[in-house]
């Protein structure tokens, strides 16, 4: 099954890296509520800057982040 939303993809990577939402928000230098909204699909189109920060927080590229499948 393919993961469809960026929020779902972020959650897959976060669980894979064994990070809490709080830990990821700190590593990515983004506000905790922003991460919660993205993961829960309240925000479905985060800015590219936010996506880059999240990818860097994981230590991966944006391409790796957006191409993950469950």
N, C-alpha and C. Protein backbone atom coordinates (compact mmCIF):
# COMPACT_ATOMS: atom_id res chain seq x y z
N UNK A 1 0.85 -1.19 0.00
CA UNK A 1 0.00 0.00 0.00
C UNK A 1 0.88 1.24 0.00
N UNK A 2 0.59 2.16 -0.88
CA UNK A 2 1.39 3.38 -0.96
C UNK A 2 0.88 4.42 0.02
N UNK A 3 1.83 5.10 0.65
CA UNK A 3 1.50 6.20 1.54
C UNK A 3 1.16 7.40 0.68
N UNK A 4 0.04 8.06 0.96
CA UNK A 4 -0.40 9.11 0.07
C UNK A 4 -0.03 10.52 0.52
N UNK A 5 -0.14 10.83 1.79
CA UNK A 5 0.09 12.21 2.22
C UNK A 5 1.49 12.40 2.78
N UNK A 6 1.95 13.62 2.73
CA UNK A 6 3.26 13.94 3.30
C UNK A 6 3.25 13.67 4.81
N UNK A 7 2.11 13.93 5.45
CA UNK A 7 2.00 13.67 6.89
C UNK A 7 2.20 12.20 7.21
N UNK A 8 1.60 11.33 6.42
CA UNK A 8 1.75 9.89 6.63
C UNK A 8 3.20 9.45 6.39
N UNK A 9 3.83 10.04 5.40
CA UNK A 9 5.23 9.71 5.10
C UNK A 9 6.15 10.15 6.24
N UNK A 10 5.88 11.34 6.78
CA UNK A 10 6.68 11.83 7.91
C UNK A 10 6.51 10.90 9.11
N UNK A 11 5.28 10.47 9.35
CA UNK A 11 5.03 9.56 10.47
C UNK A 11 5.77 8.24 10.29
N UNK A 12 5.76 7.69 9.07
CA UNK A 12 6.48 6.45 8.79
C UNK A 12 7.97 6.62 9.12
N UNK A 13 8.56 7.70 8.63
CA UNK A 13 9.98 7.95 8.90
C UNK A 13 10.23 8.19 10.39
N UNK A 14 9.32 8.91 11.05
CA UNK A 14 9.51 9.20 12.48
C UNK A 14 9.52 7.92 13.29
N UNK A 15 8.60 7.02 12.99
CA UNK A 15 8.54 5.74 13.70
C UNK A 15 9.76 4.88 13.36
N UNK A 16 10.17 4.92 12.11
CA UNK A 16 11.35 4.17 11.67
C UNK A 16 12.60 4.64 12.41
N UNK A 17 12.69 5.95 12.63
CA UNK A 17 13.86 6.53 13.31
C UNK A 17 13.68 6.54 14.84
N UNK A 18 12.53 6.02 15.31
CA UNK A 18 12.22 5.93 16.73
C UNK A 18 12.30 7.29 17.43
N UNK A 19 11.64 8.27 16.81
CA UNK A 19 11.58 9.62 17.37
C UNK A 19 10.16 9.95 17.81
N UNK A 20 10.05 10.69 18.89
CA UNK A 20 8.74 11.22 19.27
C UNK A 20 8.48 12.45 18.41
N UNK A 21 7.24 12.90 18.40
CA UNK A 21 6.92 14.12 17.66
C UNK A 21 7.69 15.30 18.25
N UNK A 22 7.80 15.35 19.55
CA UNK A 22 8.53 16.44 20.20
C UNK A 22 10.01 16.42 19.81
N UNK A 23 10.60 15.23 19.83
CA UNK A 23 12.02 15.12 19.47
C UNK A 23 12.26 15.54 18.02
N UNK A 24 11.37 15.11 17.12
CA UNK A 24 11.53 15.49 15.71
C UNK A 24 11.36 16.99 15.52
N UNK A 25 10.38 17.58 16.19
CA UNK A 25 10.17 19.03 16.03
C UNK A 25 11.41 19.80 16.47
N UNK A 26 12.07 19.32 17.52
CA UNK A 26 13.30 19.98 17.99
C UNK A 26 14.45 19.77 17.02
N UNK A 27 14.61 18.54 16.52
CA UNK A 27 15.69 18.26 15.57
C UNK A 27 15.50 19.02 14.26
N UNK A 28 14.23 19.19 13.87
CA UNK A 28 13.92 19.86 12.60
C UNK A 28 13.80 21.37 12.75
N UNK A 29 13.83 21.85 13.98
CA UNK A 29 13.69 23.29 14.25
C UNK A 29 12.38 23.85 13.71
N UNK A 30 11.30 23.08 13.96
CA UNK A 30 9.96 23.57 13.61
C UNK A 30 9.09 23.49 14.86
N UNK A 31 8.06 24.32 14.94
CA UNK A 31 7.18 24.28 16.11
C UNK A 31 6.47 22.93 16.23
N UNK A 32 6.37 22.43 17.46
CA UNK A 32 5.69 21.16 17.73
C UNK A 32 4.27 21.14 17.15
N UNK A 33 3.45 22.19 17.37
CA UNK A 33 2.09 22.17 16.81
C UNK A 33 2.08 22.06 15.27
N UNK A 34 3.08 22.62 14.63
CA UNK A 34 3.16 22.52 13.17
C UNK A 34 3.34 21.06 12.75
N UNK A 35 4.23 20.36 13.41
CA UNK A 35 4.45 18.95 13.10
C UNK A 35 3.19 18.13 13.34
N UNK A 36 2.51 18.39 14.44
CA UNK A 36 1.26 17.67 14.74
C UNK A 36 0.24 17.88 13.62
N UNK A 37 0.10 19.12 13.17
CA UNK A 37 -0.86 19.44 12.12
C UNK A 37 -0.50 18.76 10.79
N UNK A 38 0.79 18.70 10.48
CA UNK A 38 1.22 18.05 9.23
C UNK A 38 0.96 16.55 9.31
N UNK A 39 1.37 15.92 10.42
CA UNK A 39 1.18 14.47 10.56
C UNK A 39 -0.29 14.07 10.57
N UNK A 40 -1.15 14.92 11.10
CA UNK A 40 -2.57 14.59 11.18
C UNK A 40 -3.34 15.08 9.94
N UNK A 41 -2.62 15.58 8.95
CA UNK A 41 -3.19 16.04 7.69
C UNK A 41 -4.10 17.25 7.82
N UNK A 42 -4.01 17.98 8.92
CA UNK A 42 -4.70 19.27 9.02
C UNK A 42 -4.03 20.23 8.02
N UNK A 43 -2.70 20.16 7.97
CA UNK A 43 -1.93 20.89 6.96
C UNK A 43 -1.47 19.84 5.96
N UNK A 44 -2.01 19.89 4.75
CA UNK A 44 -1.69 18.88 3.74
C UNK A 44 -0.61 19.33 2.77
N UNK A 45 -0.33 20.62 2.73
CA UNK A 45 0.69 21.13 1.82
C UNK A 45 1.65 22.06 2.57
N UNK A 46 2.52 21.47 3.42
CA UNK A 46 3.48 22.31 4.13
C UNK A 46 4.45 22.98 3.16
N UNK A 47 5.03 24.07 3.58
CA UNK A 47 5.98 24.77 2.72
C UNK A 47 7.20 23.89 2.46
N UNK A 48 7.87 24.15 1.35
CA UNK A 48 9.07 23.38 1.01
C UNK A 48 10.14 23.57 2.09
N UNK A 49 10.19 24.78 2.67
CA UNK A 49 11.16 25.03 3.73
C UNK A 49 10.92 24.10 4.92
N UNK A 50 9.65 23.91 5.26
CA UNK A 50 9.31 23.02 6.38
C UNK A 50 9.67 21.58 6.04
N UNK A 51 9.37 21.16 4.82
CA UNK A 51 9.69 19.79 4.40
C UNK A 51 11.20 19.57 4.42
N UNK A 52 11.96 20.55 3.97
CA UNK A 52 13.43 20.45 4.00
C UNK A 52 13.92 20.33 5.43
N UNK A 53 13.38 21.14 6.34
CA UNK A 53 13.78 21.07 7.75
C UNK A 53 13.48 19.70 8.35
N UNK A 54 12.31 19.15 8.02
CA UNK A 54 11.95 17.83 8.54
C UNK A 54 12.90 16.76 8.00
N UNK A 55 13.17 16.80 6.70
CA UNK A 55 14.10 15.84 6.10
C UNK A 55 15.47 15.94 6.78
N UNK A 56 15.95 17.15 6.99
CA UNK A 56 17.24 17.33 7.66
C UNK A 56 17.19 16.82 9.09
N UNK A 57 16.05 17.00 9.75
CA UNK A 57 15.88 16.48 11.11
C UNK A 57 16.03 14.96 11.15
N UNK A 58 15.60 14.30 10.09
CA UNK A 58 15.75 12.86 9.98
C UNK A 58 17.14 12.45 9.50
N UNK A 59 17.88 13.40 8.92
CA UNK A 59 19.18 13.08 8.34
C UNK A 59 19.05 12.41 6.98
N UNK A 60 17.97 12.77 6.25
CA UNK A 60 17.72 12.19 4.93
C UNK A 60 17.47 13.32 3.94
N UNK A 61 17.36 12.95 2.66
CA UNK A 61 17.05 13.96 1.64
C UNK A 61 15.53 14.12 1.52
N UNK A 62 15.11 15.20 0.92
CA UNK A 62 13.69 15.42 0.67
C UNK A 62 13.16 14.31 -0.23
N UNK A 63 13.96 13.90 -1.21
CA UNK A 63 13.54 12.83 -2.11
C UNK A 63 13.27 11.54 -1.34
N UNK A 64 14.14 11.20 -0.41
CA UNK A 64 13.91 10.01 0.41
C UNK A 64 12.63 10.13 1.23
N UNK A 65 12.40 11.32 1.76
CA UNK A 65 11.22 11.56 2.59
C UNK A 65 9.94 11.37 1.78
N UNK A 66 9.88 11.98 0.61
CA UNK A 66 8.62 11.94 -0.13
C UNK A 66 8.41 10.66 -0.93
N UNK A 67 9.44 9.85 -1.09
CA UNK A 67 9.28 8.63 -1.89
C UNK A 67 9.07 7.38 -1.04
N UNK A 68 8.98 7.52 0.29
CA UNK A 68 8.81 6.36 1.16
C UNK A 68 7.44 5.71 0.93
N UNK A 69 7.43 4.39 0.93
CA UNK A 69 6.18 3.63 0.85
C UNK A 69 6.05 2.79 2.12
N UNK A 70 4.82 2.56 2.53
CA UNK A 70 4.60 1.71 3.72
C UNK A 70 4.84 0.26 3.35
